[in-house]
Amino acid sequence: MYSQMIAMADATLAANERLRVEAVTLRVQSQALFVRYRAHRMLDVRGGADEPVPDAAATIRAKLRSGALPLPADPPAKSWVGKGTSRRCEGCDKTITPDEIEYETDLADGRTLRLHADCVAFWHAARAEQITADTAVPEQRLVVIAALLMERPLCSDCLCMKAEIGPAALRECFARMERAVVVNERVERCGACDRSTTVFSLLRRPPGTGLPA
């Protein structure tokens, strides 16, 4: 009975998560297309010499991989668009001249990005890819983690190793599982490595408590 409930909850959560990811991805892609459309409308006021070069996307991808350009999961807090202020584009490293369009984006951590129209479109597209990648792992591994915890209490290190996910993905799985069951946390010996540490197990949610908001 309990296994059937877990399986049904897993299937429902997976379907909901897929729809959420698709919605977020479509929204971000729409923003990127909107940016590109605005840029193309303004081609008559943009200088050809200083326009982002064709390899700007490759430059941005390299900076994202190295961490030089941030790629937050949360959407920008605020964004502005206007004429270039002769400052450096943090995407392609070219100057955003006054006859070009400059996008100024405030991130949740307080940092401000200044980007060309094409560069901000590449950046938004990369965010969409990152969102999809981050949510795909927990979705694929949620059932595996539930099965492992139903068998015996395990520590986070053993769970990550057996489910082949990282600590952040494990926390995301726990958050999603809490909608249907209780993820119990206590100190005792891990059922796999036999260390005395914090271990996790699944408990039935008490009747009448409902699902957490």
N, C-alpha and C. Protein backbone atom coordinates (compact mmCIF):
# COMPACT_ATOMS: atom_id res chain seq x y z
N MET A 1 0.83 -1.20 0.00
CA MET A 1 0.00 0.00 0.00
C MET A 1 0.87 1.26 0.00
N TYR A 2 1.84 1.27 0.91
CA TYR A 2 2.72 2.43 1.02
C TYR A 2 3.53 2.62 -0.26
N SER A 3 4.02 1.52 -0.83
CA SER A 3 4.80 1.60 -2.06
C SER A 3 3.96 2.14 -3.21
N GLN A 4 2.69 1.73 -3.27
CA GLN A 4 1.81 2.23 -4.32
C GLN A 4 1.56 3.72 -4.18
N MET A 5 1.40 4.17 -2.94
CA MET A 5 1.19 5.60 -2.70
C MET A 5 2.41 6.40 -3.13
N ILE A 6 3.61 5.89 -2.79
CA ILE A 6 4.84 6.57 -3.17
C ILE A 6 4.96 6.63 -4.69
N ALA A 7 4.65 5.52 -5.36
CA ALA A 7 4.76 5.48 -6.82
C ALA A 7 3.80 6.46 -7.48
N MET A 8 2.55 6.51 -6.96
CA MET A 8 1.57 7.44 -7.50
C MET A 8 2.00 8.89 -7.28
N ALA A 9 2.54 9.16 -6.09
CA ALA A 9 3.00 10.52 -5.79
C ALA A 9 4.18 10.89 -6.69
N ASP A 10 5.10 9.93 -6.90
CA ASP A 10 6.24 10.18 -7.77
C ASP A 10 5.80 10.54 -9.18
N ALA A 11 4.85 9.76 -9.70
CA ALA A 11 4.38 10.00 -11.07
C ALA A 11 3.73 11.37 -11.19
N THR A 12 2.92 11.73 -10.20
CA THR A 12 2.25 13.04 -10.22
C THR A 12 3.25 14.17 -10.13
N LEU A 13 4.20 14.04 -9.21
CA LEU A 13 5.22 15.08 -9.05
C LEU A 13 6.07 15.22 -10.30
N ALA A 14 6.42 14.10 -10.91
CA ALA A 14 7.23 14.15 -12.12
C ALA A 14 6.50 14.87 -13.24
N ALA A 15 5.20 14.56 -13.40
CA ALA A 15 4.41 15.22 -14.44
C ALA A 15 4.30 16.71 -14.18
N ASN A 16 4.04 17.07 -12.93
CA ASN A 16 3.94 18.49 -12.58
C ASN A 16 5.26 19.21 -12.81
N GLU A 17 6.37 18.56 -12.46
CA GLU A 17 7.67 19.19 -12.62
C GLU A 17 8.00 19.39 -14.09
N ARG A 18 7.64 18.42 -14.92
CA ARG A 18 7.89 18.57 -16.35
C ARG A 18 7.13 19.77 -16.91
N LEU A 19 5.87 19.91 -16.49
CA LEU A 19 5.07 21.04 -16.95
C LEU A 19 5.66 22.36 -16.47
N ARG A 20 6.15 22.38 -15.21
CA ARG A 20 6.72 23.62 -14.66
C ARG A 20 7.98 24.00 -15.43
N VAL A 21 8.83 23.01 -15.70
CA VAL A 21 10.07 23.28 -16.43
C VAL A 21 9.76 23.78 -17.84
N GLU A 22 8.78 23.15 -18.48
CA GLU A 22 8.41 23.58 -19.83
C GLU A 22 7.91 25.01 -19.82
N ALA A 23 7.10 25.36 -18.80
CA ALA A 23 6.56 26.71 -18.72
C ALA A 23 7.67 27.73 -18.50
N VAL A 24 8.60 27.42 -17.59
CA VAL A 24 9.71 28.34 -17.34
C VAL A 24 10.58 28.48 -18.57
N THR A 25 10.86 27.36 -19.24
CA THR A 25 11.69 27.41 -20.43
C THR A 25 11.06 28.25 -21.53
N LEU A 26 9.75 28.05 -21.74
CA LEU A 26 9.05 28.83 -22.76
C LEU A 26 9.05 30.31 -22.43
N ARG A 27 8.90 30.64 -21.13
CA ARG A 27 8.89 32.05 -20.74
C ARG A 27 10.25 32.69 -21.01
N VAL A 28 11.31 31.99 -20.64
CA VAL A 28 12.65 32.55 -20.86
C VAL A 28 12.97 32.65 -22.34
N GLN A 29 12.58 31.63 -23.11
CA GLN A 29 12.83 31.68 -24.54
C GLN A 29 12.04 32.81 -25.19
N SER A 30 10.82 33.06 -24.70
CA SER A 30 10.02 34.16 -25.22
C SER A 30 10.70 35.50 -24.94
N GLN A 31 11.28 35.62 -23.74
CA GLN A 31 12.01 36.84 -23.42
C GLN A 31 13.19 37.03 -24.37
N ALA A 32 13.90 35.95 -24.64
CA ALA A 32 15.05 36.04 -25.55
C ALA A 32 14.62 36.44 -26.95
N LEU A 33 13.51 35.86 -27.44
CA LEU A 33 13.01 36.22 -28.76
C LEU A 33 12.56 37.68 -28.80
N PHE A 34 11.95 38.13 -27.72
CA PHE A 34 11.52 39.52 -27.64
C PHE A 34 12.72 40.45 -27.73
N VAL A 35 13.79 40.08 -27.03
CA VAL A 35 15.01 40.89 -27.07
C VAL A 35 15.57 40.94 -28.49
N ARG A 36 15.62 39.79 -29.14
CA ARG A 36 16.13 39.75 -30.51
C ARG A 36 15.27 40.59 -31.45
N TYR A 37 13.96 40.52 -31.27
CA TYR A 37 13.04 41.26 -32.13
C TYR A 37 13.26 42.76 -31.98
N ARG A 38 13.40 43.22 -30.74
CA ARG A 38 13.64 44.63 -30.49
C ARG A 38 14.97 45.06 -31.11
N ALA A 39 15.97 44.19 -30.99
CA ALA A 39 17.27 44.53 -31.56
C ALA A 39 17.19 44.68 -33.07
N HIS A 40 16.44 43.78 -33.73
CA HIS A 40 16.33 43.85 -35.18
C HIS A 40 15.55 45.09 -35.62
N ARG A 41 14.59 45.51 -34.83
CA ARG A 41 13.83 46.71 -35.15
C ARG A 41 14.73 47.95 -35.11
N MET A 42 15.77 47.92 -34.28
CA MET A 42 16.62 49.08 -34.09
C MET A 42 17.90 49.03 -34.92
N LEU A 43 17.93 48.17 -35.93
CA LEU A 43 19.15 48.04 -36.71
C LEU A 43 19.56 49.35 -37.38
N ASP A 44 18.58 50.24 -37.64
CA ASP A 44 18.92 51.47 -38.32
C ASP A 44 19.72 52.43 -37.46
N VAL A 45 19.78 52.22 -36.15
CA VAL A 45 20.51 53.12 -35.28
C VAL A 45 21.71 52.44 -34.66
N ARG A 46 22.04 51.23 -35.10
CA ARG A 46 23.16 50.51 -34.52
C ARG A 46 24.35 50.56 -35.46
N GLY A 47 25.53 50.73 -34.91
CA GLY A 47 26.75 50.79 -35.72
C GLY A 47 27.25 49.42 -36.07
N GLY A 48 27.59 49.21 -37.35
CA GLY A 48 28.03 47.90 -37.78
C GLY A 48 29.40 47.54 -37.23
N ALA A 49 30.27 48.52 -36.99
CA ALA A 49 31.64 48.22 -36.58
C ALA A 49 31.70 47.66 -35.18
N ASP A 50 30.83 48.16 -34.28
CA ASP A 50 30.90 47.75 -32.89
C ASP A 50 29.86 46.71 -32.52
N GLU A 51 29.12 46.20 -33.47
CA GLU A 51 28.10 45.21 -33.17
C GLU A 51 28.77 43.92 -32.71
N PRO A 52 28.16 43.18 -31.75
CA PRO A 52 28.77 41.95 -31.26
C PRO A 52 29.16 41.01 -32.41
N VAL A 53 30.35 40.49 -32.34
CA VAL A 53 30.86 39.65 -33.40
C VAL A 53 30.17 38.30 -33.38
N PRO A 54 30.22 37.54 -34.51
CA PRO A 54 29.51 36.26 -34.59
C PRO A 54 29.88 35.27 -33.50
N ASP A 55 31.10 35.33 -32.95
CA ASP A 55 31.50 34.36 -31.93
C ASP A 55 31.15 34.83 -30.52
N ALA A 56 30.25 35.82 -30.41
CA ALA A 56 29.86 36.31 -29.08
C ALA A 56 29.23 35.19 -28.25
N ALA A 57 28.45 34.32 -28.89
CA ALA A 57 27.82 33.22 -28.16
C ALA A 57 28.87 32.29 -27.56
N ALA A 58 29.93 32.01 -28.33
CA ALA A 58 31.00 31.14 -27.82
C ALA A 58 31.72 31.81 -26.66
N THR A 59 31.94 33.12 -26.76
CA THR A 59 32.58 33.86 -25.66
C THR A 59 31.74 33.80 -24.40
N ILE A 60 30.43 33.98 -24.56
CA ILE A 60 29.53 33.96 -23.41
C ILE A 60 29.49 32.57 -22.79
N ARG A 61 29.43 31.53 -23.61
CA ARG A 61 29.41 30.17 -23.07
C ARG A 61 30.69 29.88 -22.28
N ALA A 62 31.84 30.34 -22.79
CA ALA A 62 33.10 30.12 -22.09
C ALA A 62 33.11 30.85 -20.75
N LYS A 63 32.59 32.07 -20.72
CA LYS A 63 32.56 32.83 -19.47
C LYS A 63 31.58 32.22 -18.47
N LEU A 64 30.50 31.64 -18.97
CA LEU A 64 29.55 30.96 -18.08
C LEU A 64 30.18 29.72 -17.46
N ARG A 65 30.93 28.97 -18.28
CA ARG A 65 31.59 27.76 -17.77
C ARG A 65 32.63 28.10 -16.71
N SER A 66 33.35 29.20 -16.91
CA SER A 66 34.41 29.58 -15.97
C SER A 66 33.88 30.30 -14.73
N GLY A 67 32.62 30.75 -14.80
CA GLY A 67 32.06 31.49 -13.68
C GLY A 67 32.28 32.99 -13.78
N ALA A 68 32.96 33.44 -14.84
CA ALA A 68 33.20 34.88 -15.01
C ALA A 68 31.89 35.64 -15.25
N LEU A 69 30.94 34.97 -15.87
CA LEU A 69 29.62 35.55 -16.09
C LEU A 69 28.61 34.74 -15.29
N PRO A 70 27.87 35.38 -14.37
CA PRO A 70 26.95 34.62 -13.52
C PRO A 70 25.76 34.08 -14.30
N LEU A 71 25.24 32.97 -13.81
CA LEU A 71 24.07 32.35 -14.42
C LEU A 71 23.11 31.93 -13.30
N PRO A 72 22.43 32.89 -12.68
CA PRO A 72 21.58 32.56 -11.53
C PRO A 72 20.32 31.81 -11.94
N ALA A 73 19.84 30.97 -11.03
CA ALA A 73 18.60 30.24 -11.31
C ALA A 73 17.39 31.17 -11.26
N ASP A 74 17.45 32.18 -10.38
CA ASP A 74 16.34 33.12 -10.26
C ASP A 74 16.37 34.14 -11.40
N PRO A 75 15.19 34.57 -11.87
CA PRO A 75 15.16 35.58 -12.92
C PRO A 75 15.69 36.91 -12.42
N PRO A 76 16.12 37.79 -13.32
CA PRO A 76 16.64 39.10 -12.90
C PRO A 76 15.63 39.87 -12.07
N ALA A 77 16.13 40.61 -11.06
CA ALA A 77 15.24 41.41 -10.22
C ALA A 77 14.63 42.55 -11.02
N LYS A 78 15.45 43.25 -11.82
CA LYS A 78 14.97 44.35 -12.65
C LYS A 78 15.82 44.41 -13.91
N SER A 79 15.24 44.99 -14.96
CA SER A 79 15.97 45.17 -16.21
C SER A 79 15.57 46.51 -16.84
N TRP A 80 16.55 47.15 -17.46
CA TRP A 80 16.31 48.39 -18.17
C TRP A 80 16.92 48.27 -19.56
N VAL A 81 16.41 49.08 -20.50
CA VAL A 81 16.96 49.11 -21.85
C VAL A 81 17.06 50.56 -22.29
N GLY A 82 18.15 50.90 -22.98
CA GLY A 82 18.35 52.26 -23.45
C GLY A 82 19.55 52.33 -24.36
N LYS A 83 19.99 53.54 -24.64
CA LYS A 83 21.17 53.73 -25.49
C LYS A 83 22.43 53.29 -24.74
N GLY A 84 23.42 52.87 -25.50
CA GLY A 84 24.68 52.44 -24.91
C GLY A 84 25.35 53.56 -24.14
N THR A 85 26.06 53.19 -23.09
CA THR A 85 26.74 54.17 -22.22
C THR A 85 28.25 54.08 -22.35
N SER A 86 28.73 53.47 -23.44
CA SER A 86 30.17 53.34 -23.72
C SER A 86 30.89 52.50 -22.67
N ARG A 87 30.15 51.64 -21.99
CA ARG A 87 30.77 50.72 -21.04
C ARG A 87 30.90 49.34 -21.67
N ARG A 88 31.71 48.51 -21.05
CA ARG A 88 32.00 47.19 -21.61
C ARG A 88 30.82 46.25 -21.44
N CYS A 89 30.50 45.50 -22.49
CA CYS A 89 29.49 44.44 -22.41
C CYS A 89 30.10 43.28 -21.65
N GLU A 90 29.42 42.81 -20.63
CA GLU A 90 29.96 41.71 -19.83
C GLU A 90 29.75 40.35 -20.48
N GLY A 91 29.15 40.36 -21.67
CA GLY A 91 29.01 39.12 -22.42
C GLY A 91 30.14 38.92 -23.40
N CYS A 92 30.25 39.84 -24.37
CA CYS A 92 31.25 39.70 -25.44
C CYS A 92 32.50 40.53 -25.20
N ASP A 93 32.50 41.38 -24.16
CA ASP A 93 33.64 42.24 -23.80
C ASP A 93 33.84 43.42 -24.76
N LYS A 94 32.92 43.63 -25.69
CA LYS A 94 33.00 44.78 -26.58
C LYS A 94 32.33 45.99 -25.91
N THR A 95 32.69 47.19 -26.34
CA THR A 95 32.07 48.40 -25.82
C THR A 95 30.66 48.54 -26.38
N ILE A 96 29.73 48.93 -25.51
CA ILE A 96 28.34 49.20 -25.95
C ILE A 96 28.28 50.69 -26.27
N THR A 97 28.38 51.02 -27.53
CA THR A 97 28.47 52.41 -27.96
C THR A 97 27.11 53.11 -27.88
N PRO A 98 27.11 54.43 -27.86
CA PRO A 98 25.83 55.17 -27.75
C PRO A 98 24.85 54.90 -28.88
N ASP A 99 25.32 54.44 -30.04
CA ASP A 99 24.39 54.14 -31.14
C ASP A 99 23.94 52.67 -31.11
N GLU A 100 24.24 51.97 -30.00
CA GLU A 100 23.77 50.59 -29.81
C GLU A 100 22.78 50.56 -28.65
N ILE A 101 22.07 49.45 -28.53
CA ILE A 101 21.12 49.25 -27.45
C ILE A 101 21.82 48.54 -26.30
N GLU A 102 21.65 49.07 -25.09
CA GLU A 102 22.26 48.48 -23.90
C GLU A 102 21.16 47.95 -22.97
N TYR A 103 21.35 46.72 -22.51
CA TYR A 103 20.45 46.12 -21.53
C TYR A 103 21.16 46.06 -20.19
N GLU A 104 20.53 46.65 -19.19
CA GLU A 104 21.08 46.65 -17.84
C GLU A 104 20.20 45.77 -16.97
N THR A 105 20.79 44.72 -16.41
CA THR A 105 20.04 43.70 -15.67
C THR A 105 20.54 43.61 -14.24
N ASP A 106 19.64 43.82 -13.30
CA ASP A 106 19.98 43.69 -11.88
C ASP A 106 19.70 42.27 -11.41
N LEU A 107 20.71 41.62 -10.85
CA LEU A 107 20.55 40.26 -10.34
C LEU A 107 20.12 40.29 -8.87
N ALA A 108 19.62 39.15 -8.40
CA ALA A 108 19.13 39.07 -7.02
C ALA A 108 20.25 39.28 -6.00
N ASP A 109 21.51 38.97 -6.38
CA ASP A 109 22.62 39.13 -5.44
C ASP A 109 23.18 40.55 -5.41
N GLY A 110 22.55 41.48 -6.16
CA GLY A 110 22.98 42.87 -6.15
C GLY A 110 23.90 43.25 -7.30
N ARG A 111 24.37 42.27 -8.04
CA ARG A 111 25.26 42.56 -9.16
C ARG A 111 24.45 43.06 -10.36
N THR A 112 25.03 43.94 -11.15
CA THR A 112 24.38 44.47 -12.35
C THR A 112 25.16 44.06 -13.58
N LEU A 113 24.45 43.53 -14.58
CA LEU A 113 25.06 43.14 -15.84
C LEU A 113 24.66 44.14 -16.92
N ARG A 114 25.62 44.50 -17.76
CA ARG A 114 25.35 45.37 -18.90
C ARG A 114 25.71 44.59 -20.16
N LEU A 115 24.73 44.43 -21.04
CA LEU A 115 24.89 43.53 -22.19
C LEU A 115 24.32 44.15 -23.46
N HIS A 116 24.92 43.75 -24.60
CA HIS A 116 24.32 44.05 -25.90
C HIS A 116 22.99 43.30 -26.02
N ALA A 117 22.17 43.70 -26.97
CA ALA A 117 20.89 43.03 -27.18
C ALA A 117 21.09 41.55 -27.54
N ASP A 118 22.03 41.27 -28.46
CA ASP A 118 22.28 39.88 -28.82
C ASP A 118 22.85 39.09 -27.65
N CYS A 119 23.72 39.73 -26.87
CA CYS A 119 24.36 39.03 -25.75
C CYS A 119 23.35 38.70 -24.65
N VAL A 120 22.42 39.60 -24.38
CA VAL A 120 21.43 39.30 -23.36
C VAL A 120 20.51 38.18 -23.82
N ALA A 121 20.29 38.07 -25.14
CA ALA A 121 19.49 36.97 -25.66
C ALA A 121 20.22 35.64 -25.46
N PHE A 122 21.54 35.62 -25.73
CA PHE A 122 22.33 34.41 -25.49
C PHE A 122 22.29 34.05 -24.00
N TRP A 123 22.39 35.05 -23.15
CA TRP A 123 22.41 34.83 -21.69
C TRP A 123 21.09 34.23 -21.22
N HIS A 124 19.97 34.77 -21.70
CA HIS A 124 18.66 34.23 -21.34
C HIS A 124 18.49 32.79 -21.85
N ALA A 125 18.99 32.52 -23.05
CA ALA A 125 18.90 31.17 -23.59
C ALA A 125 19.70 30.20 -22.72
N ALA A 126 20.88 30.63 -22.25
CA ALA A 126 21.69 29.78 -21.38
C ALA A 126 20.98 29.53 -20.05
N ARG A 127 20.28 30.54 -19.53
CA ARG A 127 19.51 30.36 -18.30
C ARG A 127 18.43 29.30 -18.50
N ALA A 128 17.76 29.34 -19.64
CA ALA A 128 16.72 28.35 -19.92
C ALA A 128 17.29 26.94 -19.96
N GLU A 129 18.46 26.80 -20.60
CA GLU A 129 19.12 25.49 -20.65
C GLU A 129 19.51 25.02 -19.25
N GLN A 130 20.00 25.96 -18.42
CA GLN A 130 20.43 25.61 -17.07
C GLN A 130 19.26 25.17 -16.22
N ILE A 131 18.12 25.86 -16.33
CA ILE A 131 16.93 25.51 -15.57
C ILE A 131 16.48 24.10 -15.91
N THR A 132 16.48 23.79 -17.21
CA THR A 132 16.08 22.45 -17.65
C THR A 132 17.04 21.39 -17.13
N ALA A 133 18.34 21.67 -17.18
CA ALA A 133 19.34 20.70 -16.72
C ALA A 133 19.25 20.48 -15.22
N ASP A 134 19.04 21.55 -14.46
CA ASP A 134 19.00 21.43 -13.00
C ASP A 134 17.81 20.62 -12.52
N THR A 135 16.68 20.74 -13.21
CA THR A 135 15.48 20.05 -12.74
C THR A 135 15.36 18.63 -13.31
N ALA A 136 16.15 18.32 -14.36
CA ALA A 136 16.03 16.99 -14.97
C ALA A 136 16.58 15.92 -14.06
N VAL A 137 17.68 16.20 -13.34
CA VAL A 137 18.30 15.18 -12.50
C VAL A 137 17.38 14.74 -11.36
N PRO A 138 16.82 15.65 -10.56
CA PRO A 138 15.92 15.21 -9.49
C PRO A 138 14.73 14.42 -10.01
N GLU A 139 14.20 14.81 -11.17
CA GLU A 139 13.05 14.12 -11.72
C GLU A 139 13.38 12.67 -12.04
N GLN A 140 14.56 12.43 -12.60
CA GLN A 140 14.96 11.09 -12.98
C GLN A 140 15.30 10.24 -11.76
N ARG A 141 15.76 10.86 -10.70
CA ARG A 141 16.27 10.11 -9.55
C ARG A 141 15.31 10.06 -8.36
N LEU A 142 14.19 10.74 -8.46
CA LEU A 142 13.28 10.81 -7.31
C LEU A 142 12.81 9.42 -6.87
N VAL A 143 12.43 8.60 -7.82
CA VAL A 143 11.95 7.25 -7.50
C VAL A 143 13.07 6.41 -6.89
N VAL A 144 14.30 6.58 -7.41
CA VAL A 144 15.44 5.83 -6.88
C VAL A 144 15.67 6.18 -5.41
N ILE A 145 15.65 7.47 -5.09
CA ILE A 145 15.88 7.91 -3.71
C ILE A 145 14.79 7.40 -2.79
N ALA A 146 13.53 7.46 -3.25
CA ALA A 146 12.43 6.96 -2.43
C ALA A 146 12.60 5.47 -2.14
N ALA A 147 12.99 4.70 -3.15
CA ALA A 147 13.18 3.26 -2.96
C ALA A 147 14.33 2.98 -1.99
N LEU A 148 15.41 3.73 -2.09
CA LEU A 148 16.55 3.54 -1.19
C LEU A 148 16.17 3.83 0.26
N LEU A 149 15.42 4.91 0.47
CA LEU A 149 15.06 5.31 1.83
C LEU A 149 13.99 4.39 2.42
N MET A 150 13.17 3.79 1.59
CA MET A 150 12.18 2.84 2.09
C MET A 150 12.86 1.55 2.55
N GLU A 151 14.03 1.25 1.98
CA GLU A 151 14.75 0.02 2.32
C GLU A 151 15.47 0.14 3.65
N ARG A 152 16.16 1.30 3.89
CA ARG A 152 16.93 1.49 5.11
C ARG A 152 17.35 2.95 5.21
N PRO A 153 17.62 3.46 6.43
CA PRO A 153 18.09 4.84 6.60
C PRO A 153 19.48 4.99 5.98
N LEU A 154 19.68 6.11 5.30
CA LEU A 154 20.96 6.37 4.65
C LEU A 154 21.41 7.80 4.90
N CYS A 155 22.73 8.00 4.90
CA CYS A 155 23.27 9.35 5.03
C CYS A 155 23.26 10.03 3.67
N SER A 156 23.49 11.34 3.65
CA SER A 156 23.44 12.07 2.40
C SER A 156 24.54 11.64 1.43
N ASP A 157 25.74 11.31 1.96
CA ASP A 157 26.83 10.89 1.09
C ASP A 157 26.47 9.60 0.34
N CYS A 158 25.91 8.64 1.07
CA CYS A 158 25.54 7.37 0.44
C CYS A 158 24.38 7.55 -0.54
N LEU A 159 23.43 8.41 -0.18
CA LEU A 159 22.31 8.67 -1.09
C LEU A 159 22.81 9.29 -2.39
N CYS A 160 23.69 10.28 -2.27
CA CYS A 160 24.22 10.93 -3.47
C CYS A 160 25.00 9.94 -4.34
N MET A 161 25.78 9.08 -3.70
CA MET A 161 26.58 8.12 -4.45
C MET A 161 25.68 7.10 -5.16
N LYS A 162 24.69 6.56 -4.44
CA LYS A 162 23.84 5.53 -5.01
C LYS A 162 22.89 6.08 -6.08
N ALA A 163 22.40 7.31 -5.87
CA ALA A 163 21.48 7.91 -6.83
C ALA A 163 22.20 8.69 -7.92
N GLU A 164 23.53 8.85 -7.77
CA GLU A 164 24.35 9.54 -8.76
C GLU A 164 23.90 10.98 -8.97
N ILE A 165 23.71 11.69 -7.86
CA ILE A 165 23.33 13.10 -7.91
C ILE A 165 24.20 13.87 -6.91
N GLY A 166 24.15 15.19 -6.97
CA GLY A 166 24.90 16.04 -6.06
C GLY A 166 24.06 16.45 -4.87
N PRO A 167 24.67 17.10 -3.88
CA PRO A 167 23.94 17.53 -2.68
C PRO A 167 22.78 18.47 -2.98
N ALA A 168 22.96 19.39 -3.93
CA ALA A 168 21.89 20.34 -4.26
C ALA A 168 20.69 19.61 -4.85
N ALA A 169 20.95 18.65 -5.74
CA ALA A 169 19.86 17.87 -6.33
C ALA A 169 19.16 17.02 -5.28
N LEU A 170 19.92 16.50 -4.31
CA LEU A 170 19.32 15.71 -3.23
C LEU A 170 18.37 16.57 -2.39
N ARG A 171 18.78 17.79 -2.08
CA ARG A 171 17.90 18.69 -1.32
C ARG A 171 16.62 19.00 -2.09
N GLU A 172 16.76 19.15 -3.41
CA GLU A 172 15.58 19.40 -4.24
C GLU A 172 14.64 18.20 -4.21
N CYS A 173 15.21 16.99 -4.25
CA CYS A 173 14.39 15.78 -4.17
C CYS A 173 13.65 15.72 -2.85
N PHE A 174 14.34 16.03 -1.75
CA PHE A 174 13.70 16.01 -0.44
C PHE A 174 12.53 17.00 -0.40
N ALA A 175 12.74 18.19 -0.95
CA ALA A 175 11.69 19.21 -0.94
C ALA A 175 10.46 18.74 -1.70
N ARG A 176 10.67 18.07 -2.80
CA ARG A 176 9.54 17.58 -3.59
C ARG A 176 8.85 16.39 -2.91
N MET A 177 9.63 15.53 -2.27
CA MET A 177 9.04 14.38 -1.59
C MET A 177 8.22 14.80 -0.38
N GLU A 178 8.60 15.92 0.25
CA GLU A 178 7.88 16.40 1.43
C GLU A 178 6.44 16.76 1.12
N ARG A 179 6.09 16.92 -0.15
CA ARG A 179 4.72 17.23 -0.51
C ARG A 179 3.80 16.01 -0.30
N ALA A 180 4.41 14.82 -0.29
CA ALA A 180 3.60 13.61 -0.16
C ALA A 180 3.91 12.79 1.09
N VAL A 181 5.17 12.83 1.55
CA VAL A 181 5.58 12.05 2.71
C VAL A 181 6.46 12.94 3.60
N VAL A 182 6.85 12.41 4.75
CA VAL A 182 7.75 13.11 5.65
C VAL A 182 9.14 12.53 5.49
N VAL A 183 10.11 13.39 5.21
CA VAL A 183 11.51 12.97 5.15
C VAL A 183 12.08 13.15 6.56
N ASN A 184 12.26 12.04 7.25
CA ASN A 184 12.72 12.08 8.64
C ASN A 184 14.25 12.18 8.69
N GLU A 185 14.75 13.00 9.59
CA GLU A 185 16.19 13.22 9.74
C GLU A 185 16.58 12.96 11.19
N ARG A 186 17.55 12.10 11.42
CA ARG A 186 17.99 11.79 12.78
C ARG A 186 19.44 11.31 12.74
N VAL A 187 20.05 11.22 13.90
CA VAL A 187 21.44 10.77 14.00
C VAL A 187 21.45 9.31 14.43
N GLU A 188 22.01 8.46 13.60
CA GLU A 188 22.22 7.04 13.92
C GLU A 188 23.15 6.47 12.86
N ARG A 189 23.36 5.18 12.88
CA ARG A 189 24.28 4.57 11.92
C ARG A 189 23.62 4.46 10.55
N CYS A 190 24.39 4.84 9.53
CA CYS A 190 23.92 4.73 8.15
C CYS A 190 23.81 3.27 7.76
N GLY A 191 22.75 2.92 7.08
CA GLY A 191 22.54 1.53 6.68
C GLY A 191 23.48 1.04 5.61
N ALA A 192 24.28 1.93 5.01
CA ALA A 192 25.21 1.52 3.97
C ALA A 192 26.66 1.60 4.42
N CYS A 193 27.08 2.77 4.91
CA CYS A 193 28.50 2.95 5.29
C CYS A 193 28.75 2.66 6.77
N ASP A 194 27.71 2.50 7.56
CA ASP A 194 27.78 2.15 8.99
C ASP A 194 28.39 3.27 9.84
N ARG A 195 28.46 4.48 9.31
CA ARG A 195 28.94 5.61 10.11
C ARG A 195 27.81 6.13 10.99
N SER A 196 28.17 6.62 12.16
CA SER A 196 27.20 7.28 13.02
C SER A 196 27.12 8.74 12.59
N THR A 197 26.04 9.10 11.92
CA THR A 197 25.91 10.43 11.34
C THR A 197 24.43 10.73 11.12
N THR A 198 24.14 11.84 10.48
CA THR A 198 22.75 12.17 10.16
C THR A 198 22.28 11.29 9.02
N VAL A 199 21.16 10.62 9.25
CA VAL A 199 20.59 9.74 8.22
C VAL A 199 19.15 10.18 7.93
N PHE A 200 18.65 9.69 6.81
CA PHE A 200 17.31 10.07 6.36
C PHE A 200 16.47 8.82 6.11
N SER A 201 15.18 8.94 6.36
CA SER A 201 14.23 7.87 6.07
C SER A 201 12.89 8.50 5.75
N LEU A 202 11.95 7.68 5.27
CA LEU A 202 10.62 8.18 4.90
C LEU A 202 9.59 7.73 5.92
N LEU A 203 8.70 8.64 6.26
CA LEU A 203 7.59 8.35 7.17
C LEU A 203 6.28 8.75 6.51
N ARG A 204 5.23 8.07 6.89
CA ARG A 204 3.92 8.47 6.38
C ARG A 204 3.52 9.81 6.98
N ARG A 205 2.89 10.62 6.16
CA ARG A 205 2.40 11.89 6.68
C ARG A 205 1.18 11.63 7.56
N PRO A 206 1.12 12.21 8.78
CA PRO A 206 -0.02 11.97 9.68
C PRO A 206 -1.34 12.33 9.02
N PRO A 207 -2.38 11.54 9.25
CA PRO A 207 -3.69 11.82 8.64
C PRO A 207 -4.19 13.21 9.02
N GLY A 208 -4.75 13.87 8.04
CA GLY A 208 -5.33 15.19 8.32
C GLY A 208 -4.38 16.35 8.19
N THR A 209 -3.06 16.07 8.00
CA THR A 209 -2.11 17.18 7.91
C THR A 209 -2.10 17.79 6.53
N GLY A 210 -2.51 17.02 5.51
CA GLY A 210 -2.53 17.55 4.16
C GLY A 210 -1.14 17.73 3.61
N LEU A 211 -1.08 18.22 2.41
CA LEU A 211 0.20 18.47 1.76
C LEU A 211 0.71 19.85 2.10
N PRO A 212 2.01 20.01 2.29
CA PRO A 212 2.54 21.34 2.58
C PRO A 212 2.34 22.28 1.43
N ALA A 213 2.23 23.57 1.73
CA ALA A 213 2.00 24.56 0.67
C ALA A 213 3.24 24.70 -0.18
